[in-house]
Amino acid sequence: MICLLPFAAVFDKSVSNLRAAESNPGSEASPQGGQPSEKPAGPTLKMSYSNKPIDNPIASFMYFVPLISPTPVDNISSAGNEQQVDIISREIKKNSNSFHVTSGFEISGSGFHMNTFEPSEMIAENSDGLKKGKNLEKILDYIKLEGNGFGTIEAKGRITGTGPAVTEVNLRFNNRGKKSPVTIGLYDVVPEGGKYKYQNRKNEIVARVNTLSFEKTDKTPKMGITIASVSEKNKSAGLFGWIKGAIANLFIKPLKITKLGNNTMLDFGETLLHKEPAFTFPKAENIMERKEIDASKQ
């Protein structure tokens, strides 16, 4: 006869832990759940989970970008930027061994925020091991969030004997029928004299991003990207651009990111799982400078 009592006890404990986390936010604080840290810290996001907004500057919300970047990045906002972000809702679905948390966020206000990636290091990062004479393709130039919109942060994971743990986070920017306000710049580089230089870039395109994805892994972490549309630089996407975007999703490769950045996004998912009121980012060491520029010049 097979005894099921130990399994039942583990199952009851796991579900009880998850329920306790929901009913008593902060009782099982995640590593980044707004708790004091001895290490240098970045900005703190505060969440309302309601229709009473708690505004966070757009630069705080997008602070994960310099954390995931393997190269130095500029941290740029438009002059007089009014963009604010709030986590406005949270829902959870669960069964005996898994859960799915969905938290809605709203981006309000005018302006843009952009992170540009240091080109020489990005080129070196992507050309290592490349066959001699082969073109570099789809190198990331920048990530830009302009205007406002609605999105969701999805945290998925497993429930085990030690409790719930986040294994996947998806950041979606095109909720409530609104177009995503996030775009990325990509370019190719043709080698000249066997060397790859930013000034020799070509095929510059702008891709509108619907989703950024992060997964728990023991290997080199990568960020998945889902594209809505593709257009040439300084041109609108048009209908054909949306078709090209759908095709691009069949070929676009996940981008290598830092372990710190990937773990940070999973920790953020833990914060939403436990419905904690705040999340503090670790300090990003590779921000080249913080500056403002005139939006009319973009």
C-alpha atoms as a PDB file:
ATOM      1  CA  MET A   1       0.000   0.000   0.000  1.00  0.00           C
ATOM      2  CA  ILE A   2       1.357   3.447  -0.950  1.00  0.00           C
ATOM      3  CA  CYS A   3       1.266   6.047   1.835  1.00  0.00           C
ATOM      4  CA  LEU A   4       0.131   9.506   0.608  1.00  0.00           C
ATOM      5  CA  LEU A   5       0.315  11.336   3.963  1.00  0.00           C
ATOM      6  CA  PRO A   6       3.839  12.830   3.480  1.00  0.00           C
ATOM      7  CA  PHE A   7       2.884  14.115   0.007  1.00  0.00           C
ATOM      8  CA  ALA A   8      -0.361  15.580   1.338  1.00  0.00           C
ATOM      9  CA  ALA A   9       1.510  17.360   4.125  1.00  0.00           C
ATOM     10  CA  VAL A  10       3.986  18.894   1.653  1.00  0.00           C
ATOM     11  CA  PHE A  11       1.169  19.964  -0.682  1.00  0.00           C
ATOM     12  CA  ASP A  12      -0.817  21.568   2.164  1.00  0.00           C
ATOM     13  CA  LYS A  13       2.286  23.405   3.377  1.00  0.00           C
ATOM     14  CA  SER A  14       3.072  24.764  -0.108  1.00  0.00           C
ATOM     15  CA  VAL A  15      -0.444  26.033  -0.720  1.00  0.00           C
ATOM     16  CA  SER A  16      -0.607  27.455   2.820  1.00  0.00           C
ATOM     17  CA  ASN A  17       2.632  29.349   2.227  1.00  0.00           C
ATOM     18  CA  LEU A  18       1.235  30.879  -0.959  1.00  0.00           C
ATOM     19  CA  ARG A  19      -2.038  31.823   0.708  1.00  0.00           C
ATOM     20  CA  ALA A  20      -0.213  33.337   3.673  1.00  0.00           C
ATOM     21  CA  ALA A  21       1.910  35.411   1.307  1.00  0.00           C
ATOM     22  CA  GLU A  22      -1.236  36.776  -0.330  1.00  0.00           C
ATOM     23  CA  SER A  23      -3.085  37.565   2.908  1.00  0.00           C
ATOM     24  CA  ASN A  24      -0.050  38.966   4.723  1.00  0.00           C
ATOM     25  CA  PRO A  25       2.076  40.890   2.176  1.00  0.00           C
ATOM     26  CA  GLY A  26       5.707  41.070   3.173  1.00  0.00           C
ATOM     27  CA  SER A  27       5.502  38.104   5.588  1.00  0.00           C
ATOM     28  CA  GLU A  28       7.896  36.203   3.299  1.00  0.00           C
ATOM     29  CA  ALA A  29       9.945  39.073   2.014  1.00  0.00           C
ATOM     30  CA  SER A  30      11.699  38.511  -1.282  1.00  0.00           C
ATOM     31  CA  PRO A  31      15.392  39.408  -1.625  1.00  0.00           C
ATOM     32  CA  GLN A  32      14.528  42.733  -3.311  1.00  0.00           C
ATOM     33  CA  GLY A  33      11.175  43.506  -1.712  1.00  0.00           C
ATOM     34  CA  GLY A  34      11.990  47.040  -0.659  1.00  0.00           C
ATOM     35  CA  GLN A  35      13.970  45.801   2.373  1.00  0.00           C
ATOM     36  CA  PRO A  36      17.071  47.676   3.582  1.00  0.00           C
ATOM     37  CA  SER A  37      20.281  46.407   2.034  1.00  0.00           C
ATOM     38  CA  GLU A  38      23.912  46.861   2.999  1.00  0.00           C
ATOM     39  CA  LYS A  39      24.879  46.994  -0.677  1.00  0.00           C
ATOM     40  CA  PRO A  40      24.503  50.218  -2.726  1.00  0.00           C
ATOM     41  CA  ALA A  41      20.935  50.406  -3.985  1.00  0.00           C
ATOM     42  CA  GLY A  42      19.216  51.831  -7.033  1.00  0.00           C
ATOM     43  CA  PRO A  43      15.752  53.431  -7.154  1.00  0.00           C
ATOM     44  CA  THR A  44      12.726  52.021  -5.341  1.00  0.00           C
ATOM     45  CA  LEU A  45       9.401  51.338  -7.082  1.00  0.00           C
ATOM     46  CA  LYS A  46       6.250  51.670  -4.986  1.00  0.00           C
ATOM     47  CA  MET A  47       3.095  49.783  -5.957  1.00  0.00           C
ATOM     48  CA  SER A  48      -0.491  50.778  -5.208  1.00  0.00           C
ATOM     49  CA  TYR A  49      -2.221  47.682  -6.664  1.00  0.00           C
ATOM     50  CA  SER A  50      -5.323  49.908  -6.885  1.00  0.00           C
ATOM     51  CA  ASN A  51      -6.956  52.859  -8.631  1.00  0.00           C
ATOM     52  CA  LYS A  52      -5.262  55.230  -6.184  1.00  0.00           C
ATOM     53  CA  PRO A  53      -2.020  55.781  -8.081  1.00  0.00           C
ATOM     54  CA  ILE A  54       1.450  55.914  -6.601  1.00  0.00           C
ATOM     55  CA  ASP A  55       3.587  57.575  -9.241  1.00  0.00           C
ATOM     56  CA  ASN A  56       7.143  56.447  -9.979  1.00  0.00           C
ATOM     57  CA  PRO A  57       9.455  58.297 -12.405  1.00  0.00           C
ATOM     58  CA  ILE A  58       9.876  56.506 -15.715  1.00  0.00           C
ATOM     59  CA  ALA A  59      13.643  56.299 -15.140  1.00  0.00           C
ATOM     60  CA  SER A  60      12.996  54.215 -12.010  1.00  0.00           C
ATOM     61  CA  PHE A  61      10.695  51.786 -13.820  1.00  0.00           C
ATOM     62  CA  MET A  62      13.185  51.338 -16.688  1.00  0.00           C
ATOM     63  CA  TYR A  63      16.172  50.934 -14.377  1.00  0.00           C
ATOM     64  CA  PHE A  64      16.282  47.236 -15.237  1.00  0.00           C
ATOM     65  CA  VAL A  65      17.779  48.139 -18.649  1.00  0.00           C
ATOM     66  CA  PRO A  66      21.242  49.184 -17.379  1.00  0.00           C
ATOM     67  CA  LEU A  67      21.126  46.201 -15.018  1.00  0.00           C
ATOM     68  CA  ILE A  68      20.615  43.670 -17.831  1.00  0.00           C
ATOM     69  CA  SER A  69      23.122  45.311 -20.184  1.00  0.00           C
ATOM     70  CA  PRO A  70      26.537  43.616 -20.580  1.00  0.00           C
ATOM     71  CA  THR A  71      27.966  46.962 -21.772  1.00  0.00           C
ATOM     72  CA  PRO A  72      27.876  50.581 -20.511  1.00  0.00           C
ATOM     73  CA  VAL A  73      24.675  52.505 -21.305  1.00  0.00           C
ATOM     74  CA  ASP A  74      23.552  56.129 -21.403  1.00  0.00           C
ATOM     75  CA  ASN A  75      20.542  56.940 -19.217  1.00  0.00           C
ATOM     76  CA  ILE A  76      18.592  59.650 -21.065  1.00  0.00           C
ATOM     77  CA  SER A  77      15.275  61.391 -20.425  1.00  0.00           C
ATOM     78  CA  SER A  78      13.594  64.150 -22.407  1.00  0.00           C
ATOM     79  CA  ALA A  79      13.835  67.601 -20.835  1.00  0.00           C
ATOM     80  CA  GLY A  80      10.881  68.212 -18.502  1.00  0.00           C
ATOM     81  CA  ASN A  81       9.891  64.541 -18.682  1.00  0.00           C
ATOM     82  CA  GLU A  82       6.441  63.963 -17.114  1.00  0.00           C
ATOM     83  CA  GLN A  83       6.208  60.173 -17.529  1.00  0.00           C
ATOM     84  CA  GLN A  84       5.101  58.270 -14.443  1.00  0.00           C
ATOM     85  CA  VAL A  85       4.434  54.569 -13.841  1.00  0.00           C
ATOM     86  CA  ASP A  86       2.280  52.752 -11.297  1.00  0.00           C
ATOM     87  CA  ILE A  87       1.495  49.093 -10.654  1.00  0.00           C
ATOM     88  CA  ILE A  88      -2.297  49.341 -10.531  1.00  0.00           C
ATOM     89  CA  SER A  89      -3.561  45.762 -10.161  1.00  0.00           C
ATOM     90  CA  ARG A  90      -2.658  42.198  -9.244  1.00  0.00           C
ATOM     91  CA  GLU A  91      -4.362  38.863  -9.926  1.00  0.00           C
ATOM     92  CA  ILE A  92      -3.153  35.353  -9.218  1.00  0.00           C
ATOM     93  CA  LYS A  93      -4.139  31.952 -10.584  1.00  0.00           C
ATOM     94  CA  LYS A  94      -2.780  28.788  -9.021  1.00  0.00           C
ATOM     95  CA  ASN A  95      -3.175  25.042  -8.768  1.00  0.00           C
ATOM     96  CA  SER A  96      -1.436  22.329  -6.788  1.00  0.00           C
ATOM     97  CA  ASN A  97       2.006  22.888  -8.314  1.00  0.00           C
ATOM     98  CA  SER A  98       2.127  26.211 -10.175  1.00  0.00           C
ATOM     99  CA  PHE A  99       1.012  29.839 -10.103  1.00  0.00           C
ATOM    100  CA  HIS A 100       0.595  32.750 -12.521  1.00  0.00           C
ATOM    101  CA  VAL A 101       0.578  36.336 -11.208  1.00  0.00           C
ATOM    102  CA  THR A 102      -0.523  39.174 -13.509  1.00  0.00           C
ATOM    103  CA  SER A 103       0.074  42.762 -12.388  1.00  0.00           C
ATOM    104  CA  GLY A 104      -1.138  45.647 -14.534  1.00  0.00           C
ATOM    105  CA  PHE A 105       0.786  48.901 -14.855  1.00  0.00           C
ATOM    106  CA  GLU A 106      -0.015  52.292 -16.350  1.00  0.00           C
ATOM    107  CA  ILE A 107       2.430  54.703 -17.972  1.00  0.00           C
ATOM    108  CA  SER A 108       1.106  58.277 -17.944  1.00  0.00           C
ATOM    109  CA  GLY A 109       2.496  61.661 -18.924  1.00  0.00           C
ATOM    110  CA  SER A 110       4.478  62.980 -21.874  1.00  0.00           C
ATOM    111  CA  GLY A 111       8.119  62.630 -22.856  1.00  0.00           C
ATOM    112  CA  PHE A 112      10.503  59.756 -23.484  1.00  0.00           C
ATOM    113  CA  HIS A 113      13.174  57.758 -21.694  1.00  0.00           C
ATOM    114  CA  MET A 114      15.985  56.032 -23.570  1.00  0.00           C
ATOM    115  CA  ASN A 115      19.019  53.866 -22.870  1.00  0.00           C
ATOM    116  CA  THR A 116      21.690  53.793 -25.579  1.00  0.00           C
ATOM    117  CA  PHE A 117      24.283  51.016 -25.574  1.00  0.00           C
ATOM    118  CA  GLU A 118      27.991  51.829 -25.974  1.00  0.00           C
ATOM    119  CA  PRO A 119      28.555  50.788 -29.616  1.00  0.00           C
ATOM    120  CA  SER A 120      32.182  49.658 -29.591  1.00  0.00           C
ATOM    121  CA  GLU A 121      31.567  47.270 -26.699  1.00  0.00           C
ATOM    122  CA  MET A 122      28.290  46.028 -28.192  1.00  0.00           C
ATOM    123  CA  ILE A 123      30.100  45.294 -31.449  1.00  0.00           C
ATOM    124  CA  ALA A 124      32.929  43.517 -29.613  1.00  0.00           C
ATOM    125  CA  GLU A 125      30.401  41.508 -27.596  1.00  0.00           C
ATOM    126  CA  ASN A 126      28.629  40.304 -30.745  1.00  0.00           C
ATOM    127  CA  SER A 127      31.603  39.856 -33.094  1.00  0.00           C
ATOM    128  CA  ASP A 128      33.521  37.501 -30.806  1.00  0.00           C
ATOM    129  CA  GLY A 129      33.773  34.159 -32.582  1.00  0.00           C
ATOM    130  CA  LEU A 130      32.087  35.448 -35.745  1.00  0.00           C
ATOM    131  CA  LYS A 131      33.344  33.964 -39.001  1.00  0.00           C
ATOM    132  CA  LYS A 132      35.833  36.307 -40.718  1.00  0.00           C
ATOM    133  CA  GLY A 133      34.218  38.652 -43.245  1.00  0.00           C
ATOM    134  CA  LYS A 134      30.675  37.931 -42.103  1.00  0.00           C
ATOM    135  CA  ASN A 135      28.377  40.892 -41.437  1.00  0.00           C
ATOM    136  CA  LEU A 136      27.222  41.633 -37.915  1.00  0.00           C
ATOM    137  CA  GLU A 137      23.434  41.636 -37.841  1.00  0.00           C
ATOM    138  CA  LYS A 138      20.748  43.083 -35.556  1.00  0.00           C
ATOM    139  CA  ILE A 139      23.004  44.791 -33.007  1.00  0.00           C
ATOM    140  CA  LEU A 140      21.051  46.570 -30.273  1.00  0.00           C
ATOM    141  CA  ASP A 141      21.519  50.348 -30.401  1.00  0.00           C
ATOM    142  CA  TYR A 142      18.967  51.601 -27.858  1.00  0.00           C
ATOM    143  CA  ILE A 143      15.763  50.898 -25.949  1.00  0.00           C
ATOM    144  CA  LYS A 144      13.272  53.787 -25.873  1.00  0.00           C
ATOM    145  CA  LEU A 145       9.930  54.289 -24.119  1.00  0.00           C
ATOM    146  CA  GLU A 146       7.983  57.256 -25.493  1.00  0.00           C
ATOM    147  CA  GLY A 147       4.531  58.469 -24.461  1.00  0.00           C
ATOM    148  CA  ASN A 148       2.078  56.486 -22.357  1.00  0.00           C
ATOM    149  CA  GLY A 149       0.172  53.215 -22.331  1.00  0.00           C
ATOM    150  CA  PHE A 150      -0.822  50.129 -20.365  1.00  0.00           C
ATOM    151  CA  GLY A 151       1.027  46.896 -19.764  1.00  0.00           C
ATOM    152  CA  THR A 152       1.299  43.839 -17.559  1.00  0.00           C
ATOM    153  CA  ILE A 153       4.029  42.063 -15.652  1.00  0.00           C
ATOM    154  CA  GLU A 154       3.510  38.310 -15.535  1.00  0.00           C
ATOM    155  CA  ALA A 155       5.314  36.200 -12.939  1.00  0.00           C
ATOM    156  CA  LYS A 156       5.066  32.426 -13.348  1.00  0.00           C
ATOM    157  CA  GLY A 157       6.524  29.672 -11.230  1.00  0.00           C
ATOM    158  CA  ARG A 158       6.317  26.397  -9.360  1.00  0.00           C
ATOM    159  CA  ILE A 159       5.057  25.425  -5.912  1.00  0.00           C
ATOM    160  CA  THR A 160       7.278  22.912  -4.116  1.00  0.00           C
ATOM    161  CA  GLY A 161       7.802  21.729  -0.568  1.00  0.00           C
ATOM    162  CA  THR A 162       9.733  24.909   0.211  1.00  0.00           C
ATOM    163  CA  GLY A 163       6.972  27.162  -1.140  1.00  0.00           C
ATOM    164  CA  PRO A 164       6.363  29.142  -4.359  1.00  0.00           C
ATOM    165  CA  ALA A 165       9.285  30.317  -6.521  1.00  0.00           C
ATOM    166  CA  VAL A 166       9.254  32.512  -9.649  1.00  0.00           C
ATOM    167  CA  THR A 167      10.867  30.943 -12.720  1.00  0.00           C
ATOM    168  CA  GLU A 168       9.659  33.291 -15.502  1.00  0.00           C
ATOM    169  CA  VAL A 169       8.789  36.980 -15.851  1.00  0.00           C
ATOM    170  CA  ASN A 170       7.181  38.554 -18.930  1.00  0.00           C
ATOM    171  CA  LEU A 171       6.978  42.316 -19.300  1.00  0.00           C
ATOM    172  CA  ARG A 172       4.197  43.196 -21.781  1.00  0.00           C
ATOM    173  CA  PHE A 173       3.702  46.758 -23.053  1.00  0.00           C
ATOM    174  CA  ASN A 174       0.603  46.468 -25.287  1.00  0.00           C
ATOM    175  CA  ASN A 175      -2.309  45.971 -22.908  1.00  0.00           C
ATOM    176  CA  ARG A 176      -5.927  47.267 -23.175  1.00  0.00           C
ATOM    177  CA  GLY A 177      -5.680  47.527 -26.949  1.00  0.00           C
ATOM    178  CA  LYS A 178      -3.002  50.223 -26.735  1.00  0.00           C
ATOM    179  CA  LYS A 179       0.067  50.195 -28.971  1.00  0.00           C
ATOM    180  CA  SER A 180       3.309  49.528 -27.136  1.00  0.00           C
ATOM    181  CA  PRO A 181       5.282  52.733 -26.393  1.00  0.00           C
ATOM    182  CA  VAL A 182       8.581  50.789 -26.433  1.00  0.00           C
ATOM    183  CA  THR A 183      10.916  50.652 -29.432  1.00  0.00           C
ATOM    184  CA  ILE A 184      14.438  49.351 -29.982  1.00  0.00           C
ATOM    185  CA  GLY A 185      16.998  50.429 -32.545  1.00  0.00           C
ATOM    186  CA  LEU A 186      18.912  47.730 -34.431  1.00  0.00           C
ATOM    187  CA  TYR A 187      21.692  47.887 -37.011  1.00  0.00           C
ATOM    188  CA  ASP A 188      24.061  45.738 -39.079  1.00  0.00           C
ATOM    189  CA  VAL A 189      27.800  46.320 -39.477  1.00  0.00           C
ATOM    190  CA  VAL A 190      29.863  45.526 -42.585  1.00  0.00           C
ATOM    191  CA  PRO A 191      33.523  44.706 -41.808  1.00  0.00           C
ATOM    192  CA  GLU A 192      36.103  47.032 -43.314  1.00  0.00           C
ATOM    193  CA  GLY A 193      39.688  45.802 -43.361  1.00  0.00           C
ATOM    194  CA  GLY A 194      38.577  42.967 -41.118  1.00  0.00           C
ATOM    195  CA  LYS A 195      37.327  45.408 -38.460  1.00  0.00           C
ATOM    196  CA  TYR A 196      33.813  46.229 -37.345  1.00  0.00           C
ATOM    197  CA  LYS A 197      33.113  49.916 -36.718  1.00  0.00           C
ATOM    198  CA  TYR A 198      29.925  51.683 -35.669  1.00  0.00           C
ATOM    199  CA  GLN A 199      30.363  54.287 -38.416  1.00  0.00           C
ATOM    200  CA  ASN A 200      30.072  51.476 -40.980  1.00  0.00           C
ATOM    201  CA  ARG A 201      26.615  50.450 -39.755  1.00  0.00           C
ATOM    202  CA  LYS A 202      23.787  49.960 -42.227  1.00  0.00           C
ATOM    203  CA  ASN A 203      20.212  48.648 -42.385  1.00  0.00           C
ATOM    204  CA  GLU A 204      19.200  50.690 -39.345  1.00  0.00           C
ATOM    205  CA  ILE A 205      15.697  49.724 -38.277  1.00  0.00           C
ATOM    206  CA  VAL A 206      13.269  50.514 -35.483  1.00  0.00           C
ATOM    207  CA  ALA A 207      11.278  47.632 -33.978  1.00  0.00           C
ATOM    208  CA  ARG A 208       8.242  48.175 -31.748  1.00  0.00           C
ATOM    209  CA  VAL A 209       8.422  45.803 -28.781  1.00  0.00           C
ATOM    210  CA  ASN A 210       5.413  44.036 -27.297  1.00  0.00           C
ATOM    211  CA  THR A 211       7.138  41.746 -24.787  1.00  0.00           C
ATOM    212  CA  LEU A 212      10.436  41.304 -22.957  1.00  0.00           C
ATOM    213  CA  SER A 213      10.890  37.896 -21.284  1.00  0.00           C
ATOM    214  CA  PHE A 214      13.204  36.585 -18.559  1.00  0.00           C
ATOM    215  CA  GLU A 215      13.675  32.999 -17.341  1.00  0.00           C
ATOM    216  CA  LYS A 216      15.497  31.330 -14.470  1.00  0.00           C
ATOM    217  CA  THR A 217      18.528  29.478 -15.825  1.00  0.00           C
ATOM    218  CA  ASP A 218      21.929  28.111 -14.830  1.00  0.00           C
ATOM    219  CA  LYS A 219      23.332  29.027 -18.254  1.00  0.00           C
ATOM    220  CA  THR A 220      24.111  32.460 -19.702  1.00  0.00           C
ATOM    221  CA  PRO A 221      20.792  34.299 -19.320  1.00  0.00           C
ATOM    222  CA  LYS A 222      19.043  35.755 -22.346  1.00  0.00           C
ATOM    223  CA  MET A 223      16.148  38.171 -22.776  1.00  0.00           C
ATOM    224  CA  GLY A 224      13.418  37.121 -25.170  1.00  0.00           C
ATOM    225  CA  ILE A 225      11.842  39.798 -27.387  1.00  0.00           C
ATOM    226  CA  THR A 226       8.487  39.788 -29.196  1.00  0.00           C
ATOM    227  CA  ILE A 227       8.154  42.395 -31.966  1.00  0.00           C
ATOM    228  CA  ALA A 228       4.965  44.141 -33.109  1.00  0.00           C
ATOM    229  CA  SER A 229       6.316  45.980 -36.154  1.00  0.00           C
ATOM    230  CA  VAL A 230       9.505  46.925 -37.991  1.00  0.00           C
ATOM    231  CA  SER A 231      10.297  50.129 -39.894  1.00  0.00           C
ATOM    232  CA  GLU A 232      13.296  51.875 -41.372  1.00  0.00           C
ATOM    233  CA  LYS A 233      14.874  54.549 -39.201  1.00  0.00           C
ATOM    234  CA  ASN A 234      12.869  57.836 -39.216  1.00  0.00           C
ATOM    235  CA  LYS A 235       9.975  56.222 -41.133  1.00  0.00           C
ATOM    236  CA  SER A 236       6.573  54.985 -39.982  1.00  0.00           C
ATOM    237  CA  ALA A 237       5.919  51.261 -39.922  1.00  0.00           C
ATOM    238  CA  GLY A 238       2.738  51.187 -42.021  1.00  0.00           C
ATOM    239  CA  LEU A 239       0.857  47.976 -42.737  1.00  0.00           C
ATOM    240  CA  PHE A 240       3.880  46.308 -44.279  1.00  0.00           C
ATOM    241  CA  GLY A 241       5.877  47.115 -41.150  1.00  0.00           C
ATOM    242  CA  TRP A 242       3.432  45.166 -38.995  1.00  0.00           C
ATOM    243  CA  ILE A 243       3.675  42.230 -41.388  1.00  0.00           C
ATOM    244  CA  LYS A 244       7.480  42.380 -41.229  1.00  0.00           C
ATOM    245  CA  GLY A 245       7.227  42.463 -37.450  1.00  0.00           C
ATOM    246  CA  ALA A 246       5.286  39.203 -37.432  1.00  0.00           C
ATOM    247  CA  ILE A 247       7.899  37.628 -39.718  1.00  0.00           C
ATOM    248  CA  ALA A 248      10.766  39.004 -37.602  1.00  0.00           C
ATOM    249  CA  ASN A 249       9.502  37.101 -34.573  1.00  0.00           C
ATOM    250  CA  LEU A 250      10.345  33.878 -36.392  1.00  0.00           C
ATOM    251  CA  PHE A 251      14.019  34.846 -36.667  1.00  0.00           C
ATOM    252  CA  ILE A 252      14.888  37.320 -33.917  1.00  0.00           C
ATOM    253  CA  LYS A 253      17.307  35.840 -31.398  1.00  0.00           C
ATOM    254  CA  PRO A 254      17.142  36.327 -27.610  1.00  0.00           C
ATOM    255  CA  LEU A 255      19.752  38.820 -26.404  1.00  0.00           C
ATOM    256  CA  LYS A 256      22.478  37.956 -23.908  1.00  0.00           C
ATOM    257  CA  ILE A 257      22.014  39.794 -20.611  1.00  0.00           C
ATOM    258  CA  THR A 258      23.781  39.905 -17.269  1.00  0.00           C
ATOM    259  CA  LYS A 259      23.063  37.422 -14.517  1.00  0.00           C
ATOM    260  CA  LEU A 260      22.434  40.326 -12.124  1.00  0.00           C
ATOM    261  CA  GLY A 261      19.802  41.828 -14.420  1.00  0.00           C
ATOM    262  CA  ASN A 262      18.064  38.522 -15.013  1.00  0.00           C
ATOM    263  CA  ASN A 263      17.979  37.711 -11.297  1.00  0.00           C
ATOM    264  CA  THR A 264      16.678  41.201 -10.560  1.00  0.00           C
ATOM    265  CA  MET A 265      13.673  40.703 -12.834  1.00  0.00           C
ATOM    266  CA  LEU A 266      12.928  37.346 -11.192  1.00  0.00           C
ATOM    267  CA  ASP A 267      13.194  39.040  -7.781  1.00  0.00           C
ATOM    268  CA  PHE A 268      10.746  41.685  -9.017  1.00  0.00           C
ATOM    269  CA  GLY A 269       8.378  38.851  -9.876  1.00  0.00           C
ATOM    270  CA  GLU A 270       8.752  37.563  -6.306  1.00  0.00           C
ATOM    271  CA  THR A 271       7.771  41.005  -5.015  1.00  0.00           C
ATOM    272  CA  LEU A 272       4.574  40.903  -7.071  1.00  0.00           C
ATOM    273  CA  LEU A 273       3.904  37.314  -5.999  1.00  0.00           C
ATOM    274  CA  HIS A 274       3.952  38.328  -2.338  1.00  0.00           C
ATOM    275  CA  LYS A 275       2.127  41.595  -3.057  1.00  0.00           C
ATOM    276  CA  GLU A 276       4.779  43.659  -1.368  1.00  0.00           C
ATOM    277  CA  PRO A 277       4.403  47.456  -1.433  1.00  0.00           C
ATOM    278  CA  ALA A 278       7.844  48.276  -2.857  1.00  0.00           C
ATOM    279  CA  PHE A 279      10.814  46.910  -4.780  1.00  0.00           C
ATOM    280  CA  THR A 280      14.359  48.282  -4.607  1.00  0.00           C
ATOM    281  CA  PHE A 281      16.684  47.695  -7.544  1.00  0.00           C
ATOM    282  CA  PRO A 282      20.353  46.884  -6.915  1.00  0.00           C
ATOM    283  CA  LYS A 283      22.825  49.544  -7.976  1.00  0.00           C
ATOM    284  CA  ALA A 284      23.711  49.552 -11.692  1.00  0.00           C
ATOM    285  CA  GLU A 285      27.436  50.086 -12.152  1.00  0.00           C
ATOM    286  CA  ASN A 286      27.537  50.591 -15.928  1.00  0.00           C
ATOM    287  CA  ILE A 287      25.457  53.775 -16.383  1.00  0.00           C
ATOM    288  CA  MET A 288      27.710  56.170 -18.294  1.00  0.00           C
ATOM    289  CA  GLU A 289      25.750  59.307 -17.413  1.00  0.00           C
ATOM    290  CA  ARG A 290      22.293  60.621 -16.572  1.00  0.00           C
ATOM    291  CA  LYS A 291      21.197  63.441 -18.855  1.00  0.00           C
ATOM    292  CA  GLU A 292      18.236  65.228 -20.400  1.00  0.00           C
ATOM    293  CA  ILE A 293      17.813  66.182 -24.048  1.00  0.00           C
ATOM    294  CA  ASP A 294      15.310  68.221 -26.026  1.00  0.00           C
ATOM    295  CA  ALA A 295      12.543  65.929 -27.314  1.00  0.00           C
ATOM    296  CA  SER A 296      12.140  68.086 -30.443  1.00  0.00           C
ATOM    297  CA  LYS A 297      15.636  67.066 -31.557  1.00  0.00           C
ATOM    298  CA  GLN A 298      14.801  63.357 -31.576  1.00  0.00           C
END
